Amino acid sequence: MPKMKSKKALTKRIKVTGSGKVVRHHAYVSHLAPHKTTKQKRHLRKQTSVSASDMKRIKYLIQG
């Protein structure tokens, strides 16, 4: 049986930290920015960690 391939679309969008956490970028920041507040846009620029409920699914997709 061949090796499993990782999902390249996902691996380009996330990063695994040294401690094993998975970080991602926020959505809703790419366009339609004028109606968003400055505070909202500033917070959306920062990275955030993936929720615990999604971790099992993401670990399966990025193993390779």
C-alpha atoms as a PDB file:
ATOM      1  CA  MET A   1       0.000   0.000   0.000  1.00  0.00           C
ATOM      2  CA  PRO A   2       1.437   3.410  -0.946  1.00  0.00           C
ATOM      3  CA  LYS A   3       2.109   6.185   1.512  1.00  0.00           C
ATOM      4  CA  MET A   4      -0.663   8.642   2.290  1.00  0.00           C
ATOM      5  CA  LYS A   5      -0.256  12.033   0.708  1.00  0.00           C
ATOM      6  CA  SER A   6      -0.885  15.166   2.718  1.00  0.00           C
ATOM      7  CA  LYS A   7      -3.461  17.666   1.457  1.00  0.00           C
ATOM      8  CA  LYS A   8      -1.274  20.373  -0.041  1.00  0.00           C
ATOM      9  CA  ALA A   9      -4.051  22.963  -0.018  1.00  0.00           C
ATOM     10  CA  LEU A  10      -4.237  22.685   3.762  1.00  0.00           C
ATOM     11  CA  THR A  11      -0.490  22.529   4.382  1.00  0.00           C
ATOM     12  CA  LYS A  12      -0.105  25.869   2.584  1.00  0.00           C
ATOM     13  CA  ARG A  13      -2.660  27.494   4.899  1.00  0.00           C
ATOM     14  CA  ILE A  14      -1.513  26.286   8.323  1.00  0.00           C
ATOM     15  CA  LYS A  15       1.706  26.027  10.300  1.00  0.00           C
ATOM     16  CA  VAL A  16       2.598  23.571  13.044  1.00  0.00           C
ATOM     17  CA  THR A  17       4.474  25.177  15.931  1.00  0.00           C
ATOM     18  CA  GLY A  18       7.299  23.567  17.845  1.00  0.00           C
ATOM     19  CA  SER A  19       4.963  22.570  20.655  1.00  0.00           C
ATOM     20  CA  GLY A  20       2.587  20.852  18.225  1.00  0.00           C
ATOM     21  CA  LYS A  21      -0.117  23.512  18.019  1.00  0.00           C
ATOM     22  CA  VAL A  22      -1.563  24.357  14.622  1.00  0.00           C
ATOM     23  CA  VAL A  23      -1.941  28.034  13.743  1.00  0.00           C
ATOM     24  CA  ARG A  24      -4.002  29.540  10.953  1.00  0.00           C
ATOM     25  CA  HIS A  25      -4.986  32.931   9.576  1.00  0.00           C
ATOM     26  CA  HIS A  26      -8.404  34.480  10.067  1.00  0.00           C
ATOM     27  CA  ALA A  27     -11.073  34.602   7.390  1.00  0.00           C
ATOM     28  CA  TYR A  28     -13.054  37.715   6.334  1.00  0.00           C
ATOM     29  CA  VAL A  29     -10.016  39.895   5.771  1.00  0.00           C
ATOM     30  CA  SER A  30      -9.359  39.623   2.025  1.00  0.00           C
ATOM     31  CA  HIS A  31     -12.007  42.036   0.708  1.00  0.00           C
ATOM     32  CA  LEU A  32     -15.045  44.167   1.659  1.00  0.00           C
ATOM     33  CA  ALA A  33     -12.860  45.927   4.215  1.00  0.00           C
ATOM     34  CA  PRO A  34     -14.356  49.461   4.266  1.00  0.00           C
ATOM     35  CA  HIS A  35     -17.373  48.509   6.341  1.00  0.00           C
ATOM     36  CA  LYS A  36     -15.269  46.696   8.948  1.00  0.00           C
ATOM     37  CA  THR A  37     -13.953  48.644  11.919  1.00  0.00           C
ATOM     38  CA  THR A  38     -10.244  49.319  12.336  1.00  0.00           C
ATOM     39  CA  LYS A  39     -10.216  47.182  15.470  1.00  0.00           C
ATOM     40  CA  GLN A  40     -11.813  44.274  13.637  1.00  0.00           C
ATOM     41  CA  LYS A  41      -9.282  44.473  10.769  1.00  0.00           C
ATOM     42  CA  ARG A  42      -6.386  44.724  13.216  1.00  0.00           C
ATOM     43  CA  HIS A  43      -7.486  41.598  15.084  1.00  0.00           C
ATOM     44  CA  LEU A  44      -8.080  39.673  11.864  1.00  0.00           C
ATOM     45  CA  ARG A  45      -4.454  40.249  10.802  1.00  0.00           C
ATOM     46  CA  LYS A  46      -3.146  38.119  13.659  1.00  0.00           C
ATOM     47  CA  GLN A  47      -2.838  34.359  13.595  1.00  0.00           C
ATOM     48  CA  THR A  48      -4.931  32.117  15.801  1.00  0.00           C
ATOM     49  CA  SER A  49      -4.738  28.499  16.826  1.00  0.00           C
ATOM     50  CA  VAL A  50      -6.991  25.828  15.371  1.00  0.00           C
ATOM     51  CA  SER A  51      -9.847  24.807  17.642  1.00  0.00           C
ATOM     52  CA  ALA A  52      -9.550  21.544  19.546  1.00  0.00           C
ATOM     53  CA  SER A  53     -12.626  20.132  17.830  1.00  0.00           C
ATOM     54  CA  ASP A  54     -10.908  20.412  14.417  1.00  0.00           C
ATOM     55  CA  MET A  55      -7.508  19.070  15.477  1.00  0.00           C
ATOM     56  CA  LYS A  56      -8.219  15.384  14.811  1.00  0.00           C
ATOM     57  CA  ARG A  57      -9.425  16.110  11.280  1.00  0.00           C
ATOM     58  CA  ILE A  58      -6.513  18.427  10.487  1.00  0.00           C
ATOM     59  CA  LYS A  59      -3.864  16.029  11.846  1.00  0.00           C
ATOM     60  CA  TYR A  60      -5.300  13.355   9.548  1.00  0.00           C
ATOM     61  CA  LEU A  61      -5.143  15.659   6.510  1.00  0.00           C
ATOM     62  CA  ILE A  62      -1.577  16.880   7.058  1.00  0.00           C
ATOM     63  CA  GLN A  63       0.031  13.538   7.864  1.00  0.00           C
ATOM     64  CA  GLY A  64       2.037  12.416   4.910  1.00  0.00           C
END
